[in-house]
Amino acid sequence: MLESGLRSIPAREDIQVLVIDDTEGRGAGYARNIGLDRAQGKWLLFMDDDDNFTPEAFPAFDRFADSDYDLIYFYSTSRFTDTGQPADRHTHLSRLLDNYRRQPSEVTEGWLRYNYNEPCAKMIRRSIVVDNAIRFENTRWGNDVHFSTAVGFYARTIAVDSAVVYSINVVYGSLVHQHNLEARRCRYEVILRNNQYLRSLGKPEFQVSVMYSLRRALRYGPKAFIEFIRLGRQYGQDFTIGWRTWLTSAWRTLRHGDYRGRERYISHD
């Protein structure tokens, strides 16, 4: 899959390609931080080893190469690698972009800045990362959440372009699809830390609800649920955030048997 991704990058002298092999097994966050330390260009672009850029990606990037924006968002798509059929791994990202383009406001911009929690399908001005010492977390799951939130906060100006520049290849068994208790706990703590960070930035209104994480903790028994409650209290989490939305979703599932959102492919899940 890495070869396919590399082939999607044009061979040009103005493009620096860094391939970081995590031979030490220290995780994607550690590898990405090595890339940050070695990057030299004006813009940062990220690609996971099993994904690829689309044919319209670099023409779109070129349009913004000399712009004054700090952060440019683009659209992505997703597919299952075994069947080639469309997947829904990108839909929550597209929804954030659509909402902002449809009705630009402080609210829709805030949700885009602080909840588009993946570094891919973005052009990020490298200077804002360097100047503000923004790093990826060294966690096995959700290492990109804090990085993306911090970039969204420090970016002075943003833009959203309609080009679909990135293809997410969904592979079952990959890290994003692991739903064991260890993965759940790690992702839950990532949410808690990021919510705490948003409060420290004075942006509490953009915190993510933990109701879904608590519901899923129940699947592992009362001991796991109590542990999740304890962790939430440790981080000062407001458990009431998003409860109305969660109840509405739960009622819809029970009433109509709609289980499509049961396992949502979101990085902070």
C-alpha atoms as a PDB file:
ATOM      1  CA  MET A   1       0.000   0.000   0.000  1.00  0.00           C
ATOM      2  CA  LEU A   2       2.901   2.361   0.683  1.00  0.00           C
ATOM      3  CA  GLU A   3       4.037   2.056  -2.936  1.00  0.00           C
ATOM      4  CA  SER A   4       0.578   3.104  -4.133  1.00  0.00           C
ATOM      5  CA  GLY A   5       0.692   6.140  -1.867  1.00  0.00           C
ATOM      6  CA  LEU A   6       4.143   7.153  -3.035  1.00  0.00           C
ATOM      7  CA  ARG A   7       3.072   6.833  -6.662  1.00  0.00           C
ATOM      8  CA  SER A   8       0.313   9.368  -5.957  1.00  0.00           C
ATOM      9  CA  ILE A   9       2.960  12.019  -5.179  1.00  0.00           C
ATOM     10  CA  PRO A  10       4.475  13.724  -8.253  1.00  0.00           C
ATOM     11  CA  ALA A  11       8.251  13.650  -8.639  1.00  0.00           C
ATOM     12  CA  ARG A  12       9.076  17.346  -8.362  1.00  0.00           C
ATOM     13  CA  GLU A  13      12.021  19.265  -6.976  1.00  0.00           C
ATOM     14  CA  ASP A  14       9.754  21.484  -4.872  1.00  0.00           C
ATOM     15  CA  ILE A  15       8.296  18.501  -2.982  1.00  0.00           C
ATOM     16  CA  GLN A  16      10.203  16.926  -0.088  1.00  0.00           C
ATOM     17  CA  VAL A  17       8.988  13.385   0.622  1.00  0.00           C
ATOM     18  CA  LEU A  18       9.765  11.935   4.056  1.00  0.00           C
ATOM     19  CA  VAL A  19       8.974   8.259   4.675  1.00  0.00           C
ATOM     20  CA  ILE A  20       9.288   7.433   8.367  1.00  0.00           C
ATOM     21  CA  ASP A  21       9.510   3.708   9.144  1.00  0.00           C
ATOM     22  CA  ASP A  22       8.498   3.048  12.730  1.00  0.00           C
ATOM     23  CA  THR A  23      11.014   0.238  13.171  1.00  0.00           C
ATOM     24  CA  GLU A  24      11.128   0.795  16.928  1.00  0.00           C
ATOM     25  CA  GLY A  25       7.393   0.198  17.253  1.00  0.00           C
ATOM     26  CA  ARG A  26       6.848   3.465  19.111  1.00  0.00           C
ATOM     27  CA  GLY A  27       3.728   4.449  17.201  1.00  0.00           C
ATOM     28  CA  ALA A  28       2.555   6.825  14.492  1.00  0.00           C
ATOM     29  CA  GLY A  29       2.836   9.882  16.733  1.00  0.00           C
ATOM     30  CA  TYR A  30       6.532   9.244  17.364  1.00  0.00           C
ATOM     31  CA  ALA A  31       7.145   8.701  13.640  1.00  0.00           C
ATOM     32  CA  ARG A  32       5.236  11.834  12.677  1.00  0.00           C
ATOM     33  CA  ASN A  33       7.254  13.914  15.140  1.00  0.00           C
ATOM     34  CA  ILE A  34      10.450  12.697  13.481  1.00  0.00           C
ATOM     35  CA  GLY A  35       8.982  13.888  10.195  1.00  0.00           C
ATOM     36  CA  LEU A  36       8.202  17.286  11.713  1.00  0.00           C
ATOM     37  CA  ASP A  37      11.798  17.632  12.877  1.00  0.00           C
ATOM     38  CA  ARG A  38      13.160  16.887   9.405  1.00  0.00           C
ATOM     39  CA  ALA A  39      10.649  18.771   7.267  1.00  0.00           C
ATOM     40  CA  GLN A  40      12.012  21.860   5.516  1.00  0.00           C
ATOM     41  CA  GLY A  41       9.239  23.127   3.261  1.00  0.00           C
ATOM     42  CA  LYS A  42       6.729  25.924   3.669  1.00  0.00           C
ATOM     43  CA  TRP A  43       3.774  23.540   3.874  1.00  0.00           C
ATOM     44  CA  LEU A  44       3.161  20.237   5.646  1.00  0.00           C
ATOM     45  CA  LEU A  45       1.119  17.438   4.067  1.00  0.00           C
ATOM     46  CA  PHE A  46       0.485  14.109   5.769  1.00  0.00           C
ATOM     47  CA  MET A  47      -0.305  10.698   4.317  1.00  0.00           C
ATOM     48  CA  ASP A  48      -0.696   7.394   6.164  1.00  0.00           C
ATOM     49  CA  ASP A  49       1.113   4.427   4.669  1.00  0.00           C
ATOM     50  CA  ASP A  50      -2.095   2.695   3.511  1.00  0.00           C
ATOM     51  CA  ASP A  51      -3.718   5.790   1.941  1.00  0.00           C
ATOM     52  CA  ASN A  52      -3.010   7.881  -1.143  1.00  0.00           C
ATOM     53  CA  PHE A  53      -3.554  11.301  -2.705  1.00  0.00           C
ATOM     54  CA  THR A  54      -6.093  11.660  -5.517  1.00  0.00           C
ATOM     55  CA  PRO A  55      -5.195  12.916  -9.028  1.00  0.00           C
ATOM     56  CA  GLU A  56      -6.648  16.349  -8.230  1.00  0.00           C
ATOM     57  CA  ALA A  57      -4.636  16.730  -5.029  1.00  0.00           C
ATOM     58  CA  PHE A  58      -1.474  18.470  -6.158  1.00  0.00           C
ATOM     59  CA  PRO A  59      -3.150  20.792  -8.668  1.00  0.00           C
ATOM     60  CA  ALA A  60      -5.307  21.889  -5.708  1.00  0.00           C
ATOM     61  CA  PHE A  61      -2.275  22.263  -3.446  1.00  0.00           C
ATOM     62  CA  ASP A  62      -0.502  24.328  -6.104  1.00  0.00           C
ATOM     63  CA  ARG A  63      -3.371  26.824  -6.143  1.00  0.00           C
ATOM     64  CA  PHE A  64      -2.650  27.636  -2.497  1.00  0.00           C
ATOM     65  CA  ALA A  65       1.140  27.361  -2.526  1.00  0.00           C
ATOM     66  CA  ASP A  66       1.658  31.147  -2.474  1.00  0.00           C
ATOM     67  CA  SER A  67      -1.411  31.993  -0.389  1.00  0.00           C
ATOM     68  CA  ASP A  68      -1.347  33.768   2.963  1.00  0.00           C
ATOM     69  CA  TYR A  69      -3.504  31.154   4.700  1.00  0.00           C
ATOM     70  CA  ASP A  70      -2.094  29.176   7.606  1.00  0.00           C
ATOM     71  CA  LEU A  71      -4.390  26.199   7.172  1.00  0.00           C
ATOM     72  CA  ILE A  72      -6.334  24.923   4.161  1.00  0.00           C
ATOM     73  CA  TYR A  73      -8.881  22.132   4.465  1.00  0.00           C
ATOM     74  CA  PHE A  74      -9.804  19.822   1.595  1.00  0.00           C
ATOM     75  CA  TYR A  75     -12.207  16.939   1.129  1.00  0.00           C
ATOM     76  CA  SER A  76     -11.346  13.266   1.309  1.00  0.00           C
ATOM     77  CA  THR A  77     -13.004  10.019   0.289  1.00  0.00           C
ATOM     78  CA  SER A  78     -12.744   6.454   1.580  1.00  0.00           C
ATOM     79  CA  ARG A  79     -13.078   2.899   0.335  1.00  0.00           C
ATOM     80  CA  PHE A  80     -12.691  -0.669   1.557  1.00  0.00           C
ATOM     81  CA  THR A  81      -9.432  -2.129   0.287  1.00  0.00           C
ATOM     82  CA  ASP A  82     -10.755  -5.676  -0.047  1.00  0.00           C
ATOM     83  CA  THR A  83     -13.846  -4.827  -2.115  1.00  0.00           C
ATOM     84  CA  GLY A  84     -13.167  -1.340  -3.466  1.00  0.00           C
ATOM     85  CA  GLN A  85     -16.614  -0.309  -2.259  1.00  0.00           C
ATOM     86  CA  PRO A  86     -17.194   3.163  -0.736  1.00  0.00           C
ATOM     87  CA  ALA A  87     -16.692   3.474   3.022  1.00  0.00           C
ATOM     88  CA  ASP A  88     -17.856   6.087   5.506  1.00  0.00           C
ATOM     89  CA  ARG A  89     -14.495   6.835   7.132  1.00  0.00           C
ATOM     90  CA  HIS A  90     -14.517  10.371   5.688  1.00  0.00           C
ATOM     91  CA  THR A  91     -18.133  11.410   6.209  1.00  0.00           C
ATOM     92  CA  HIS A  92     -17.743  13.124   9.589  1.00  0.00           C
ATOM     93  CA  LEU A  93     -14.926  15.234   8.105  1.00  0.00           C
ATOM     94  CA  SER A  94     -17.000  16.169   5.068  1.00  0.00           C
ATOM     95  CA  ARG A  95     -19.854  17.176   7.342  1.00  0.00           C
ATOM     96  CA  LEU A  96     -17.648  19.689   9.171  1.00  0.00           C
ATOM     97  CA  LEU A  97     -16.516  21.167   5.853  1.00  0.00           C
ATOM     98  CA  ASP A  98     -20.050  21.260   4.432  1.00  0.00           C
ATOM     99  CA  ASN A  99     -21.437  22.990   7.515  1.00  0.00           C
ATOM    100  CA  TYR A 100     -18.792  25.697   7.363  1.00  0.00           C
ATOM    101  CA  ARG A 101     -19.181  26.276   3.619  1.00  0.00           C
ATOM    102  CA  ARG A 102     -22.969  26.304   3.849  1.00  0.00           C
ATOM    103  CA  GLN A 103     -23.131  28.741   6.760  1.00  0.00           C
ATOM    104  CA  PRO A 104     -19.803  30.341   7.741  1.00  0.00           C
ATOM    105  CA  SER A 105     -19.927  31.483  11.355  1.00  0.00           C
ATOM    106  CA  GLU A 106     -17.858  31.420  14.527  1.00  0.00           C
ATOM    107  CA  VAL A 107     -19.641  28.229  15.520  1.00  0.00           C
ATOM    108  CA  THR A 108     -19.145  26.256  12.306  1.00  0.00           C
ATOM    109  CA  GLU A 109     -15.582  27.539  12.023  1.00  0.00           C
ATOM    110  CA  GLY A 110     -14.898  26.517  15.613  1.00  0.00           C
ATOM    111  CA  TRP A 111     -16.160  22.992  15.097  1.00  0.00           C
ATOM    112  CA  LEU A 112     -14.015  22.744  11.981  1.00  0.00           C
ATOM    113  CA  ARG A 113     -10.887  24.087  13.679  1.00  0.00           C
ATOM    114  CA  TYR A 114     -11.193  21.987  16.837  1.00  0.00           C
ATOM    115  CA  ASN A 115     -12.888  18.776  15.698  1.00  0.00           C
ATOM    116  CA  TYR A 116     -11.341  17.977  12.315  1.00  0.00           C
ATOM    117  CA  ASN A 117      -9.027  15.666  14.212  1.00  0.00           C
ATOM    118  CA  GLU A 118      -6.907  14.273  11.424  1.00  0.00           C
ATOM    119  CA  PRO A 119      -3.829  15.868   9.857  1.00  0.00           C
ATOM    120  CA  CYS A 120      -4.510  14.485   6.374  1.00  0.00           C
ATOM    121  CA  ALA A 121      -6.340  16.358   3.596  1.00  0.00           C
ATOM    122  CA  LYS A 122      -4.906  19.628   4.918  1.00  0.00           C
ATOM    123  CA  MET A 123      -2.181  22.070   3.955  1.00  0.00           C
ATOM    124  CA  ILE A 124      -0.560  23.232   7.173  1.00  0.00           C
ATOM    125  CA  ARG A 125       1.890  26.129   7.239  1.00  0.00           C
ATOM    126  CA  ARG A 126       4.972  24.634   8.868  1.00  0.00           C
ATOM    127  CA  SER A 127       5.894  27.837  10.690  1.00  0.00           C
ATOM    128  CA  ILE A 128       2.818  27.695  12.958  1.00  0.00           C
ATOM    129  CA  VAL A 129       3.791  24.178  13.999  1.00  0.00           C
ATOM    130  CA  VAL A 130       7.418  25.162  14.658  1.00  0.00           C
ATOM    131  CA  ASP A 131       6.673  28.495  16.338  1.00  0.00           C
ATOM    132  CA  ASN A 132       4.141  26.959  18.728  1.00  0.00           C
ATOM    133  CA  ALA A 133       6.011  23.682  19.348  1.00  0.00           C
ATOM    134  CA  ILE A 134       3.008  21.596  18.272  1.00  0.00           C
ATOM    135  CA  ARG A 135       3.648  17.859  18.485  1.00  0.00           C
ATOM    136  CA  PHE A 136       1.815  14.583  18.070  1.00  0.00           C
ATOM    137  CA  GLU A 137       1.069  12.592  21.192  1.00  0.00           C
ATOM    138  CA  ASN A 138       2.962   9.343  21.685  1.00  0.00           C
ATOM    139  CA  THR A 139      -0.162   7.237  22.072  1.00  0.00           C
ATOM    140  CA  ARG A 140      -1.036   4.105  20.152  1.00  0.00           C
ATOM    141  CA  TRP A 141      -4.493   5.418  19.291  1.00  0.00           C
ATOM    142  CA  GLY A 142      -5.610   8.991  18.654  1.00  0.00           C
ATOM    143  CA  ASN A 143      -2.132  10.517  18.474  1.00  0.00           C
ATOM    144  CA  ASP A 144      -3.326  13.118  15.960  1.00  0.00           C
ATOM    145  CA  VAL A 145      -6.168  14.684  17.980  1.00  0.00           C
ATOM    146  CA  HIS A 146      -4.148  17.166  20.049  1.00  0.00           C
ATOM    147  CA  PHE A 147      -1.964  18.089  17.071  1.00  0.00           C
ATOM    148  CA  SER A 148      -4.990  18.873  14.903  1.00  0.00           C
ATOM    149  CA  THR A 149      -6.708  20.873  17.645  1.00  0.00           C
ATOM    150  CA  ALA A 150      -3.585  22.923  18.333  1.00  0.00           C
ATOM    151  CA  VAL A 151      -3.041  23.628  14.630  1.00  0.00           C
ATOM    152  CA  GLY A 152      -6.669  24.734  14.364  1.00  0.00           C
ATOM    153  CA  PHE A 153      -6.215  27.084  17.297  1.00  0.00           C
ATOM    154  CA  TYR A 154      -2.961  28.716  16.193  1.00  0.00           C
ATOM    155  CA  ALA A 155      -3.879  29.092  12.521  1.00  0.00           C
ATOM    156  CA  ARG A 156      -4.655  32.779  12.034  1.00  0.00           C
ATOM    157  CA  THR A 157      -6.462  32.329   8.728  1.00  0.00           C
ATOM    158  CA  ILE A 158      -8.100  29.272   7.208  1.00  0.00           C
ATOM    159  CA  ALA A 159      -9.686  28.290   3.912  1.00  0.00           C
ATOM    160  CA  VAL A 160     -11.844  25.400   2.717  1.00  0.00           C
ATOM    161  CA  ASP A 161     -11.506  24.108  -0.838  1.00  0.00           C
ATOM    162  CA  SER A 162     -13.939  21.768  -2.582  1.00  0.00           C
ATOM    163  CA  ALA A 163     -11.255  19.518  -4.116  1.00  0.00           C
ATOM    164  CA  VAL A 164     -11.190  15.867  -3.025  1.00  0.00           C
ATOM    165  CA  VAL A 165      -7.486  15.375  -2.432  1.00  0.00           C
ATOM    166  CA  TYR A 166      -7.165  12.318  -0.214  1.00  0.00           C
ATOM    167  CA  SER A 167      -8.315   8.696  -0.338  1.00  0.00           C
ATOM    168  CA  ILE A 168      -8.602   6.793   2.948  1.00  0.00           C
ATOM    169  CA  ASN A 169      -8.207   3.056   2.455  1.00  0.00           C
ATOM    170  CA  VAL A 170     -10.139   1.224   5.144  1.00  0.00           C
ATOM    171  CA  VAL A 171      -8.479  -1.984   6.303  1.00  0.00           C
ATOM    172  CA  TYR A 172     -10.192  -4.081   8.944  1.00  0.00           C
ATOM    173  CA  GLY A 173      -7.850  -4.971  11.760  1.00  0.00           C
ATOM    174  CA  SER A 174      -5.957  -1.690  11.484  1.00  0.00           C
ATOM    175  CA  LEU A 175      -5.537   0.524  14.541  1.00  0.00           C
ATOM    176  CA  VAL A 176      -8.588   2.641  13.807  1.00  0.00           C
ATOM    177  CA  HIS A 177     -10.810  -0.466  13.802  1.00  0.00           C
ATOM    178  CA  GLN A 178      -9.525  -2.005  17.013  1.00  0.00           C
ATOM    179  CA  HIS A 179     -12.272  -1.855  19.612  1.00  0.00           C
ATOM    180  CA  ASN A 180     -10.806  -3.799  22.540  1.00  0.00           C
ATOM    181  CA  LEU A 181     -10.835  -2.304  26.024  1.00  0.00           C
ATOM    182  CA  GLU A 182      -7.239  -1.072  25.773  1.00  0.00           C
ATOM    183  CA  ALA A 183      -8.053   0.843  22.583  1.00  0.00           C
ATOM    184  CA  ARG A 184     -11.286   2.220  24.046  1.00  0.00           C
ATOM    185  CA  ARG A 185      -9.507   3.444  27.161  1.00  0.00           C
ATOM    186  CA  CYS A 186      -6.703   5.068  25.185  1.00  0.00           C
ATOM    187  CA  ARG A 187      -9.087   6.894  22.849  1.00  0.00           C
ATOM    188  CA  TYR A 188     -11.240   7.928  25.787  1.00  0.00           C
ATOM    189  CA  GLU A 189      -8.264   9.493  27.549  1.00  0.00           C
ATOM    190  CA  VAL A 190      -7.355  11.288  24.313  1.00  0.00           C
ATOM    191  CA  ILE A 191     -10.852  12.817  24.301  1.00  0.00           C
ATOM    192  CA  LEU A 192     -10.543  13.792  27.958  1.00  0.00           C
ATOM    193  CA  ARG A 193      -7.155  15.433  27.467  1.00  0.00           C
ATOM    194  CA  ASN A 194      -8.325  17.267  24.381  1.00  0.00           C
ATOM    195  CA  ASN A 195     -11.446  18.540  26.139  1.00  0.00           C
ATOM    196  CA  GLN A 196      -9.243  19.714  28.984  1.00  0.00           C
ATOM    197  CA  TYR A 197      -7.001  21.459  26.442  1.00  0.00           C
ATOM    198  CA  LEU A 198      -9.981  23.184  24.830  1.00  0.00           C
ATOM    199  CA  ARG A 199     -11.066  24.472  28.236  1.00  0.00           C
ATOM    200  CA  SER A 200      -7.558  25.832  28.813  1.00  0.00           C
ATOM    201  CA  LEU A 201      -7.813  27.657  25.468  1.00  0.00           C
ATOM    202  CA  GLY A 202     -11.115  29.222  26.476  1.00  0.00           C
ATOM    203  CA  LYS A 203     -13.038  27.099  23.946  1.00  0.00           C
ATOM    204  CA  PRO A 204     -15.186  24.848  26.157  1.00  0.00           C
ATOM    205  CA  GLU A 205     -18.144  25.027  23.767  1.00  0.00           C
ATOM    206  CA  PHE A 206     -16.277  22.807  21.297  1.00  0.00           C
ATOM    207  CA  GLN A 207     -15.663  19.927  23.667  1.00  0.00           C
ATOM    208  CA  VAL A 208     -16.619  16.441  22.498  1.00  0.00           C
ATOM    209  CA  SER A 209     -19.255  14.444  24.358  1.00  0.00           C
ATOM    210  CA  VAL A 210     -18.037  11.319  26.162  1.00  0.00           C
ATOM    211  CA  MET A 211     -21.477   9.683  26.269  1.00  0.00           C
ATOM    212  CA  TYR A 212     -20.637   7.242  23.475  1.00  0.00           C
ATOM    213  CA  SER A 213     -17.379   6.250  25.188  1.00  0.00           C
ATOM    214  CA  LEU A 214     -19.232   5.583  28.438  1.00  0.00           C
ATOM    215  CA  ARG A 215     -21.877   3.525  26.666  1.00  0.00           C
ATOM    216  CA  ARG A 216     -19.215   1.395  25.009  1.00  0.00           C
ATOM    217  CA  ALA A 217     -17.380   0.971  28.311  1.00  0.00           C
ATOM    218  CA  LEU A 218     -20.513  -0.760  29.623  1.00  0.00           C
ATOM    219  CA  ARG A 219     -19.915  -3.546  27.124  1.00  0.00           C
ATOM    220  CA  TYR A 220     -16.873  -4.526  29.151  1.00  0.00           C
ATOM    221  CA  GLY A 221     -18.749  -4.653  32.434  1.00  0.00           C
ATOM    222  CA  PRO A 222     -19.343  -2.413  35.458  1.00  0.00           C
ATOM    223  CA  LYS A 223     -15.653  -2.361  36.442  1.00  0.00           C
ATOM    224  CA  ALA A 224     -14.673  -0.762  33.118  1.00  0.00           C
ATOM    225  CA  PHE A 225     -17.570   1.691  33.317  1.00  0.00           C
ATOM    226  CA  ILE A 226     -16.573   2.798  36.824  1.00  0.00           C
ATOM    227  CA  GLU A 227     -12.982   3.202  35.664  1.00  0.00           C
ATOM    228  CA  PHE A 228     -14.131   5.448  32.791  1.00  0.00           C
ATOM    229  CA  ILE A 229     -16.176   7.573  35.211  1.00  0.00           C
ATOM    230  CA  ARG A 230     -13.161   7.889  37.500  1.00  0.00           C
ATOM    231  CA  LEU A 231     -10.939   8.954  34.597  1.00  0.00           C
ATOM    232  CA  GLY A 232     -13.502  11.542  33.517  1.00  0.00           C
ATOM    233  CA  ARG A 233     -13.600  13.047  36.990  1.00  0.00           C
ATOM    234  CA  GLN A 234      -9.803  13.074  37.095  1.00  0.00           C
ATOM    235  CA  TYR A 235      -9.751  15.240  33.967  1.00  0.00           C
ATOM    236  CA  GLY A 236     -12.607  17.468  35.140  1.00  0.00           C
ATOM    237  CA  GLN A 237     -14.956  16.235  32.415  1.00  0.00           C
ATOM    238  CA  ASP A 238     -18.524  17.547  32.245  1.00  0.00           C
ATOM    239  CA  PHE A 239     -20.484  14.349  31.630  1.00  0.00           C
ATOM    240  CA  THR A 240     -23.645  16.217  30.623  1.00  0.00           C
ATOM    241  CA  ILE A 241     -22.136  17.564  27.379  1.00  0.00           C
ATOM    242  CA  GLY A 242     -24.026  16.144  24.402  1.00  0.00           C
ATOM    243  CA  TRP A 243     -26.472  14.048  26.426  1.00  0.00           C
ATOM    244  CA  ARG A 244     -29.489  15.293  24.469  1.00  0.00           C
ATOM    245  CA  THR A 245     -27.875  14.352  21.150  1.00  0.00           C
ATOM    246  CA  TRP A 246     -26.889  10.964  22.524  1.00  0.00           C
ATOM    247  CA  LEU A 247     -30.390  10.225  23.811  1.00  0.00           C
ATOM    248  CA  THR A 248     -31.914  11.236  20.474  1.00  0.00           C
ATOM    249  CA  SER A 249     -29.509   8.944  18.625  1.00  0.00           C
ATOM    250  CA  ALA A 250     -30.122   6.072  21.027  1.00  0.00           C
ATOM    251  CA  TRP A 251     -33.913   6.457  20.697  1.00  0.00           C
ATOM    252  CA  ARG A 252     -33.655   6.502  16.898  1.00  0.00           C
ATOM    253  CA  THR A 253     -31.611   3.304  16.990  1.00  0.00           C
ATOM    254  CA  LEU A 254     -34.078   1.536  19.270  1.00  0.00           C
ATOM    255  CA  ARG A 255     -37.129   2.732  17.365  1.00  0.00           C
ATOM    256  CA  HIS A 256     -35.969   2.205  13.793  1.00  0.00           C
ATOM    257  CA  GLY A 257     -33.222  -0.364  14.151  1.00  0.00           C
ATOM    258  CA  ASP A 258     -30.734   2.021  12.554  1.00  0.00           C
ATOM    259  CA  TYR A 259     -27.327   0.717  13.624  1.00  0.00           C
ATOM    260  CA  ARG A 260     -25.288   2.506  10.983  1.00  0.00           C
ATOM    261  CA  GLY A 261     -23.656   4.747  13.565  1.00  0.00           C
ATOM    262  CA  ARG A 262     -22.876   1.922  15.967  1.00  0.00           C
ATOM    263  CA  GLU A 263     -19.168   1.864  15.143  1.00  0.00           C
ATOM    264  CA  ARG A 264     -18.293   5.305  13.835  1.00  0.00           C
ATOM    265  CA  TYR A 265     -14.918   5.689  12.175  1.00  0.00           C
ATOM    266  CA  ILE A 266     -13.738   8.772  14.029  1.00  0.00           C
ATOM    267  CA  SER A 267     -10.245   9.333  15.267  1.00  0.00           C
ATOM    268  CA  HIS A 268     -11.344  10.444  18.717  1.00  0.00           C
ATOM    269  CA  ASP A 269     -13.705   7.488  19.134  1.00  0.00           C
END
